[in-house]
Amino acid sequence: MSDEYGGDIVTITDPEGNDYELEHLDTIEMDDAYYMAFLPTDLDEDDPDYGIVILKCDSSPDMGADLYVPDDEAAERAYDIFMERLFAEENEEGEEDGETAGEEE
């Protein structure tokens, strides 16, 4: 995904006060809002709860920081956009390596 954003670690706190560290993968703009894709840094890839976390980024002038909030209604659409971008980038990388779609050896 976008090198411009990848690799940043953020800590979020849920309503119960639990802290989670997430690695920022990519950001998209959709419906005049920003949606960010993250992966948990504290879970093993084999953990059933491991997967992409999509949060809406709301700026908060009162707090002087960004707030990351779930938006279940838009999350599925945002997820689809993130996956399209990921697979498009993978296909471009494969073509750069000399592979061609539909080519069999």
C-alpha atoms as a PDB file:
ATOM      1  CA  MET A   1       0.000   0.000   0.000  1.00  0.00           C
ATOM      2  CA  SER A   2       1.052   3.607   0.055  1.00  0.00           C
ATOM      3  CA  ASP A   3       4.668   4.125   1.139  1.00  0.00           C
ATOM      4  CA  GLU A   4       3.689   7.648   2.104  1.00  0.00           C
ATOM      5  CA  TYR A   5       1.792   6.342   5.136  1.00  0.00           C
ATOM      6  CA  GLY A   6       2.996   2.791   5.839  1.00  0.00           C
ATOM      7  CA  GLY A   7       4.992   1.847   8.885  1.00  0.00           C
ATOM      8  CA  ASP A   8       3.601   4.358  11.373  1.00  0.00           C
ATOM      9  CA  ILE A   9       2.504   2.960  14.730  1.00  0.00           C
ATOM     10  CA  VAL A  10      -0.407   4.525  16.604  1.00  0.00           C
ATOM     11  CA  THR A  11      -1.853   3.682  19.983  1.00  0.00           C
ATOM     12  CA  ILE A  12      -5.610   3.813  20.367  1.00  0.00           C
ATOM     13  CA  THR A  13      -7.692   3.416  23.492  1.00  0.00           C
ATOM     14  CA  ASP A  14     -11.096   1.747  23.404  1.00  0.00           C
ATOM     15  CA  PRO A  15     -14.067   2.918  25.520  1.00  0.00           C
ATOM     16  CA  GLU A  16     -13.092   0.414  28.270  1.00  0.00           C
ATOM     17  CA  GLY A  17      -9.625   1.987  28.569  1.00  0.00           C
ATOM     18  CA  ASN A  18      -7.680  -0.796  26.796  1.00  0.00           C
ATOM     19  CA  ASP A  19      -4.733   0.386  24.681  1.00  0.00           C
ATOM     20  CA  TYR A  20      -3.928  -1.165  21.311  1.00  0.00           C
ATOM     21  CA  GLU A  21      -0.950  -0.551  19.045  1.00  0.00           C
ATOM     22  CA  LEU A  22      -1.761  -0.528  15.344  1.00  0.00           C
ATOM     23  CA  GLU A  23       0.483  -0.240  12.304  1.00  0.00           C
ATOM     24  CA  HIS A  24      -0.868   2.248   9.774  1.00  0.00           C
ATOM     25  CA  LEU A  25      -0.955   0.732   6.277  1.00  0.00           C
ATOM     26  CA  ASP A  26      -2.820   3.201   4.093  1.00  0.00           C
ATOM     27  CA  THR A  27      -5.304   6.065   4.029  1.00  0.00           C
ATOM     28  CA  ILE A  28      -8.109   6.810   1.602  1.00  0.00           C
ATOM     29  CA  GLU A  29     -10.527   9.687   1.242  1.00  0.00           C
ATOM     30  CA  MET A  30     -14.144   8.631   0.879  1.00  0.00           C
ATOM     31  CA  ASP A  31     -17.347  10.641   1.349  1.00  0.00           C
ATOM     32  CA  ASP A  32     -15.400  13.746   2.474  1.00  0.00           C
ATOM     33  CA  ALA A  33     -13.737  11.784   5.289  1.00  0.00           C
ATOM     34  CA  TYR A  34     -10.459   9.925   5.735  1.00  0.00           C
ATOM     35  CA  TYR A  35     -10.386   6.205   6.454  1.00  0.00           C
ATOM     36  CA  MET A  36      -7.254   4.504   7.658  1.00  0.00           C
ATOM     37  CA  ALA A  37      -6.296   0.829   7.406  1.00  0.00           C
ATOM     38  CA  PHE A  38      -4.302  -0.674  10.272  1.00  0.00           C
ATOM     39  CA  LEU A  39      -2.934  -4.044  11.374  1.00  0.00           C
ATOM     40  CA  PRO A  40      -2.612  -4.921  15.063  1.00  0.00           C
ATOM     41  CA  THR A  41       1.013  -5.128  16.194  1.00  0.00           C
ATOM     42  CA  ASP A  42       0.298  -7.127  19.343  1.00  0.00           C
ATOM     43  CA  LEU A  43      -1.482 -10.106  17.756  1.00  0.00           C
ATOM     44  CA  ASP A  44      -0.002 -13.107  16.001  1.00  0.00           C
ATOM     45  CA  GLU A  45      -1.122 -13.597  12.391  1.00  0.00           C
ATOM     46  CA  ASP A  46      -2.674 -16.926  13.432  1.00  0.00           C
ATOM     47  CA  ASP A  47      -4.895 -15.258  16.047  1.00  0.00           C
ATOM     48  CA  PRO A  48      -8.574 -15.326  14.968  1.00  0.00           C
ATOM     49  CA  ASP A  49      -8.873 -11.615  15.849  1.00  0.00           C
ATOM     50  CA  TYR A  50      -5.951 -10.659  13.570  1.00  0.00           C
ATOM     51  CA  GLY A  51      -6.920  -8.686  10.481  1.00  0.00           C
ATOM     52  CA  ILE A  52      -7.251  -5.265   8.952  1.00  0.00           C
ATOM     53  CA  VAL A  53      -8.822  -2.662  11.193  1.00  0.00           C
ATOM     54  CA  ILE A  54     -10.492   0.267   9.411  1.00  0.00           C
ATOM     55  CA  LEU A  55     -11.116   3.446  11.354  1.00  0.00           C
ATOM     56  CA  LYS A  56     -12.440   6.836  10.375  1.00  0.00           C
ATOM     57  CA  CYS A  57     -10.077   9.694  11.214  1.00  0.00           C
ATOM     58  CA  ASP A  58     -11.834  12.632  12.853  1.00  0.00           C
ATOM     59  CA  SER A  59      -9.798  15.693  13.728  1.00  0.00           C
ATOM     60  CA  SER A  60     -10.619  17.164  17.073  1.00  0.00           C
ATOM     61  CA  PRO A  61      -9.658  20.836  17.502  1.00  0.00           C
ATOM     62  CA  ASP A  62     -10.577  20.623  21.206  1.00  0.00           C
ATOM     63  CA  MET A  63      -8.126  17.778  21.848  1.00  0.00           C
ATOM     64  CA  GLY A  64      -5.442  18.888  19.382  1.00  0.00           C
ATOM     65  CA  ALA A  65      -5.155  15.366  17.957  1.00  0.00           C
ATOM     66  CA  ASP A  66      -6.812  12.984  15.559  1.00  0.00           C
ATOM     67  CA  LEU A  67      -9.520  10.684  16.834  1.00  0.00           C
ATOM     68  CA  TYR A  68      -9.889   7.260  15.271  1.00  0.00           C
ATOM     69  CA  VAL A  69     -13.441   5.998  15.396  1.00  0.00           C
ATOM     70  CA  PRO A  70     -15.140   2.915  13.994  1.00  0.00           C
ATOM     71  CA  ASP A  71     -17.674   3.585  11.244  1.00  0.00           C
ATOM     72  CA  ASP A  72     -19.303   0.231  10.601  1.00  0.00           C
ATOM     73  CA  GLU A  73     -21.565   1.645   7.901  1.00  0.00           C
ATOM     74  CA  ALA A  74     -18.662   2.826   5.730  1.00  0.00           C
ATOM     75  CA  ALA A  75     -16.080   0.223   6.802  1.00  0.00           C
ATOM     76  CA  GLU A  76     -17.118  -2.395   4.251  1.00  0.00           C
ATOM     77  CA  ARG A  77     -16.920   0.072   1.348  1.00  0.00           C
ATOM     78  CA  ALA A  78     -13.569   1.370   2.616  1.00  0.00           C
ATOM     79  CA  TYR A  79     -12.299  -2.213   2.975  1.00  0.00           C
ATOM     80  CA  ASP A  80     -13.225  -2.937  -0.651  1.00  0.00           C
ATOM     81  CA  ILE A  81     -11.295   0.152  -1.817  1.00  0.00           C
ATOM     82  CA  PHE A  82      -8.235  -0.804   0.253  1.00  0.00           C
ATOM     83  CA  MET A  83      -8.295  -4.344  -1.186  1.00  0.00           C
ATOM     84  CA  GLU A  84      -8.653  -3.056  -4.773  1.00  0.00           C
ATOM     85  CA  ARG A  85      -5.624  -0.802  -4.227  1.00  0.00           C
ATOM     86  CA  LEU A  86      -3.612  -3.616  -2.666  1.00  0.00           C
ATOM     87  CA  PHE A  87      -4.317  -6.056  -5.484  1.00  0.00           C
ATOM     88  CA  ALA A  88      -3.703  -3.393  -8.147  1.00  0.00           C
ATOM     89  CA  GLU A  89      -0.282  -2.692  -6.617  1.00  0.00           C
ATOM     90  CA  GLU A  90       0.506  -6.420  -6.430  1.00  0.00           C
ATOM     91  CA  ASN A  91      -0.452  -6.839 -10.097  1.00  0.00           C
ATOM     92  CA  GLU A  92       1.731  -3.883 -11.090  1.00  0.00           C
ATOM     93  CA  GLU A  93       4.676  -5.356  -9.171  1.00  0.00           C
ATOM     94  CA  GLY A  94       4.175  -8.720 -10.905  1.00  0.00           C
ATOM     95  CA  GLU A  95       4.155  -7.070 -14.326  1.00  0.00           C
ATOM     96  CA  GLU A  96       7.341  -5.173 -13.469  1.00  0.00           C
ATOM     97  CA  ASP A  97       8.972  -8.518 -12.611  1.00  0.00           C
ATOM     98  CA  GLY A  98       8.162  -9.807 -16.103  1.00  0.00           C
ATOM     99  CA  GLU A  99       4.968 -11.680 -15.262  1.00  0.00           C
ATOM    100  CA  THR A 100       1.900 -11.142 -17.410  1.00  0.00           C
ATOM    101  CA  ALA A 101      -1.707 -11.765 -16.433  1.00  0.00           C
ATOM    102  CA  GLY A 102      -2.930 -15.059 -17.856  1.00  0.00           C
ATOM    103  CA  GLU A 103       0.542 -16.193 -18.881  1.00  0.00           C
ATOM    104  CA  GLU A 104       1.230 -19.860 -18.258  1.00  0.00           C
ATOM    105  CA  GLU A 105       4.541 -21.658 -18.383  1.00  0.00           C
END
